[in-house]
Amino acid sequence: MKKIPMRRCLATNQSFPKKDLLRIVRTPEGEVKVDLTGK
């Protein structure tokens, strides 16, 4: 059985599978964007 990567939500402090969460990043220019690559 393969291990499912888990990540913690900053808002609720609950753990969820990585694929169920969005990654929000700040670019070097200061913009806030959703990172669709998840990396």
PDB file of N, CA and C in Angstrom:
ATOM      1  N   MET A   1       0.849  -1.185   0.000  1.00  0.00           N
ATOM      2  CA  MET A   1       0.000   0.000   0.000  1.00  0.00           C
ATOM      3  C   MET A   1       0.889   1.241   0.000  1.00  0.00           C
ATOM      4  N   LYS A   2       0.548   2.182  -0.854  1.00  0.00           N
ATOM      5  CA  LYS A   2       1.339   3.397  -0.997  1.00  0.00           C
ATOM      6  C   LYS A   2       0.930   4.429   0.053  1.00  0.00           C
ATOM      7  N   LYS A   3       1.921   5.103   0.626  1.00  0.00           N
ATOM      8  CA  LYS A   3       1.650   6.139   1.626  1.00  0.00           C
ATOM      9  C   LYS A   3       1.101   7.393   0.948  1.00  0.00           C
ATOM     10  N   ILE A   4       0.032   7.953   1.508  1.00  0.00           N
ATOM     11  CA  ILE A   4      -0.591   9.164   0.966  1.00  0.00           C
ATOM     12  C   ILE A   4       0.045  10.381   1.638  1.00  0.00           C
ATOM     13  N   PRO A   5       0.640  11.313   0.848  1.00  0.00           N
ATOM     14  CA  PRO A   5       1.221  12.515   1.439  1.00  0.00           C
ATOM     15  C   PRO A   5       0.135  13.379   2.082  1.00  0.00           C
ATOM     16  N   MET A   6       0.361  13.763   3.322  1.00  0.00           N
ATOM     17  CA  MET A   6      -0.597  14.590   4.053  1.00  0.00           C
ATOM     18  C   MET A   6      -0.005  15.981   4.262  1.00  0.00           C
ATOM     19  N   ARG A   7      -0.869  16.994   4.223  1.00  0.00           N
ATOM     20  CA  ARG A   7      -0.464  18.376   4.464  1.00  0.00           C
ATOM     21  C   ARG A   7      -1.442  19.007   5.440  1.00  0.00           C
ATOM     22  N   ARG A   8      -0.964  19.997   6.193  1.00  0.00           N
ATOM     23  CA  ARG A   8      -1.791  20.658   7.202  1.00  0.00           C
ATOM     24  C   ARG A   8      -2.313  21.990   6.659  1.00  0.00           C
ATOM     25  N   CYS A   9      -3.594  22.219   6.859  1.00  0.00           N
ATOM     26  CA  CYS A   9      -4.233  23.474   6.473  1.00  0.00           C
ATOM     27  C   CYS A   9      -3.850  24.548   7.490  1.00  0.00           C
ATOM     28  N   LEU A  10      -3.387  25.700   7.013  1.00  0.00           N
ATOM     29  CA  LEU A  10      -3.003  26.786   7.917  1.00  0.00           C
ATOM     30  C   LEU A  10      -4.205  27.426   8.594  1.00  0.00           C
ATOM     31  N   ALA A  11      -5.356  27.403   7.940  1.00  0.00           N
ATOM     32  CA  ALA A  11      -6.548  28.042   8.497  1.00  0.00           C
ATOM     33  C   ALA A  11      -7.197  27.207   9.599  1.00  0.00           C
ATOM     34  N   THR A  12      -7.292  25.880   9.383  1.00  0.00           N
ATOM     35  CA  THR A  12      -8.014  25.019  10.329  1.00  0.00           C
ATOM     36  C   THR A  12      -7.104  24.136  11.163  1.00  0.00           C
ATOM     37  N   ASN A  13      -5.836  24.037  10.776  1.00  0.00           N
ATOM     38  CA  ASN A  13      -4.847  23.193  11.451  1.00  0.00           C
ATOM     39  C   ASN A  13      -5.200  21.704  11.363  1.00  0.00           C
ATOM     40  N   GLN A  14      -6.009  21.313  10.373  1.00  0.00           N
ATOM     41  CA  GLN A  14      -6.357  19.916  10.152  1.00  0.00           C
ATOM     42  C   GLN A  14      -5.482  19.350   9.045  1.00  0.00           C
ATOM     43  N   SER A  15      -5.238  18.039   9.094  1.00  0.00           N
ATOM     44  CA  SER A  15      -4.465  17.373   8.054  1.00  0.00           C
ATOM     45  C   SER A  15      -5.386  16.839   6.967  1.00  0.00           C
ATOM     46  N   PHE A  16      -4.945  17.017   5.708  1.00  0.00           N
ATOM     47  CA  PHE A  16      -5.683  16.548   4.544  1.00  0.00           C
ATOM     48  C   PHE A  16      -4.700  15.925   3.567  1.00  0.00           C
ATOM     49  N   PRO A  17      -5.179  15.042   2.683  1.00  0.00           N
ATOM     50  CA  PRO A  17      -4.306  14.556   1.615  1.00  0.00           C
ATOM     51  C   PRO A  17      -3.827  15.731   0.760  1.00  0.00           C
ATOM     52  N   LYS A  18      -2.576  15.680   0.343  1.00  0.00           N
ATOM     53  CA  LYS A  18      -1.976  16.776  -0.419  1.00  0.00           C
ATOM     54  C   LYS A  18      -2.808  17.147  -1.648  1.00  0.00           C
ATOM     55  N   LYS A  19      -3.372  16.157  -2.334  1.00  0.00           N
ATOM     56  CA  LYS A  19      -4.127  16.420  -3.561  1.00  0.00           C
ATOM     57  C   LYS A  19      -5.422  17.194  -3.309  1.00  0.00           C
ATOM     58  N   ASP A  20      -5.896  17.230  -2.068  1.00  0.00           N
ATOM     59  CA  ASP A  20      -7.143  17.924  -1.742  1.00  0.00           C
ATOM     60  C   ASP A  20      -6.943  19.397  -1.395  1.00  0.00           C
ATOM     61  N   LEU A  21      -5.693  19.841  -1.256  1.00  0.00           N
ATOM     62  CA  LEU A  21      -5.414  21.222  -0.849  1.00  0.00           C
ATOM     63  C   LEU A  21      -4.841  22.034  -2.005  1.00  0.00           C
ATOM     64  N   LEU A  22      -5.002  23.344  -1.939  1.00  0.00           N
ATOM     65  CA  LEU A  22      -4.385  24.267  -2.890  1.00  0.00           C
ATOM     66  C   LEU A  22      -3.130  24.842  -2.264  1.00  0.00           C
ATOM     67  N   ARG A  23      -2.125  25.083  -3.087  1.00  0.00           N
ATOM     68  CA  ARG A  23      -0.904  25.716  -2.598  1.00  0.00           C
ATOM     69  C   ARG A  23      -0.908  27.169  -3.058  1.00  0.00           C
ATOM     70  N   ILE A  24      -0.790  28.082  -2.110  1.00  0.00           N
ATOM     71  CA  ILE A  24      -0.758  29.518  -2.389  1.00  0.00           C
ATOM     72  C   ILE A  24       0.691  29.980  -2.224  1.00  0.00           C
ATOM     73  N   VAL A  25       1.203  30.716  -3.214  1.00  0.00           N
ATOM     74  CA  VAL A  25       2.592  31.178  -3.173  1.00  0.00           C
ATOM     75  C   VAL A  25       2.661  32.673  -3.443  1.00  0.00           C
ATOM     76  N   ARG A  26       3.747  33.287  -2.984  1.00  0.00           N
ATOM     77  CA  ARG A  26       4.019  34.690  -3.307  1.00  0.00           C
ATOM     78  C   ARG A  26       5.188  34.698  -4.278  1.00  0.00           C
ATOM     79  N   THR A  27       5.018  35.362  -5.397  1.00  0.00           N
ATOM     80  CA  THR A  27       6.064  35.436  -6.411  1.00  0.00           C
ATOM     81  C   THR A  27       7.136  36.434  -5.975  1.00  0.00           C
ATOM     82  N   PRO A  28       8.309  36.394  -6.610  1.00  0.00           N
ATOM     83  CA  PRO A  28       9.351  37.381  -6.292  1.00  0.00           C
ATOM     84  C   PRO A  28       8.884  38.824  -6.507  1.00  0.00           C
ATOM     85  N   GLU A  29       7.872  39.020  -7.364  1.00  0.00           N
ATOM     86  CA  GLU A  29       7.331  40.362  -7.614  1.00  0.00           C
ATOM     87  C   GLU A  29       6.324  40.778  -6.550  1.00  0.00           C
ATOM     88  N   GLY A  30       5.993  39.875  -5.620  1.00  0.00           N
ATOM     89  CA  GLY A  30       5.070  40.192  -4.542  1.00  0.00           C
ATOM     90  C   GLY A  30       3.623  39.801  -4.798  1.00  0.00           C
ATOM     91  N   GLU A  31       3.352  39.178  -5.941  1.00  0.00           N
ATOM     92  CA  GLU A  31       1.989  38.743  -6.248  1.00  0.00           C
ATOM     93  C   GLU A  31       1.671  37.443  -5.507  1.00  0.00           C
ATOM     94  N   VAL A  32       0.415  37.266  -5.144  1.00  0.00           N
ATOM     95  CA  VAL A  32      -0.035  36.033  -4.506  1.00  0.00           C
ATOM     96  C   VAL A  32      -0.817  35.241  -5.545  1.00  0.00           C
ATOM     97  N   LYS A  33      -0.398  33.977  -5.761  1.00  0.00           N
ATOM     98  CA  LYS A  33      -1.022  33.149  -6.792  1.00  0.00           C
ATOM     99  C   LYS A  33      -1.226  31.735  -6.272  1.00  0.00           C
ATOM    100  N   VAL A  34      -2.120  31.010  -6.949  1.00  0.00           N
ATOM    101  CA  VAL A  34      -2.307  29.585  -6.682  1.00  0.00           C
ATOM    102  C   VAL A  34      -1.264  28.837  -7.502  1.00  0.00           C
ATOM    103  N   ASP A  35      -0.511  27.949  -6.851  1.00  0.00           N
ATOM    104  CA  ASP A  35       0.503  27.144  -7.527  1.00  0.00           C
ATOM    105  C   ASP A  35      -0.144  25.829  -7.951  1.00  0.00           C
ATOM    106  N   LEU A  36      -0.471  25.712  -9.239  1.00  0.00           N
ATOM    107  CA  LEU A  36      -1.145  24.516  -9.736  1.00  0.00           C
ATOM    108  C   LEU A  36      -0.216  23.314  -9.828  1.00  0.00           C
ATOM    109  N   THR A  37       1.105  23.535  -9.808  1.00  0.00           N
ATOM    110  CA  THR A  37       2.042  22.411  -9.885  1.00  0.00           C
ATOM    111  C   THR A  37       2.155  21.694  -8.548  1.00  0.00           C
ATOM    112  N   GLY A  38       1.878  22.389  -7.454  1.00  0.00           N
ATOM    113  CA  GLY A  38       1.966  21.781  -6.128  1.00  0.00           C
ATOM    114  C   GLY A  38       3.384  21.570  -5.643  1.00  0.00           C
ATOM    115  N   LYS A  39       4.351  22.199  -6.315  1.00  0.00           N
ATOM    116  CA  LYS A  39       5.759  22.021  -5.916  1.00  0.00           C
ATOM    117  C   LYS A  39       6.294  23.270  -5.258  1.00  0.00           C
TER     118      LYS A  39
END
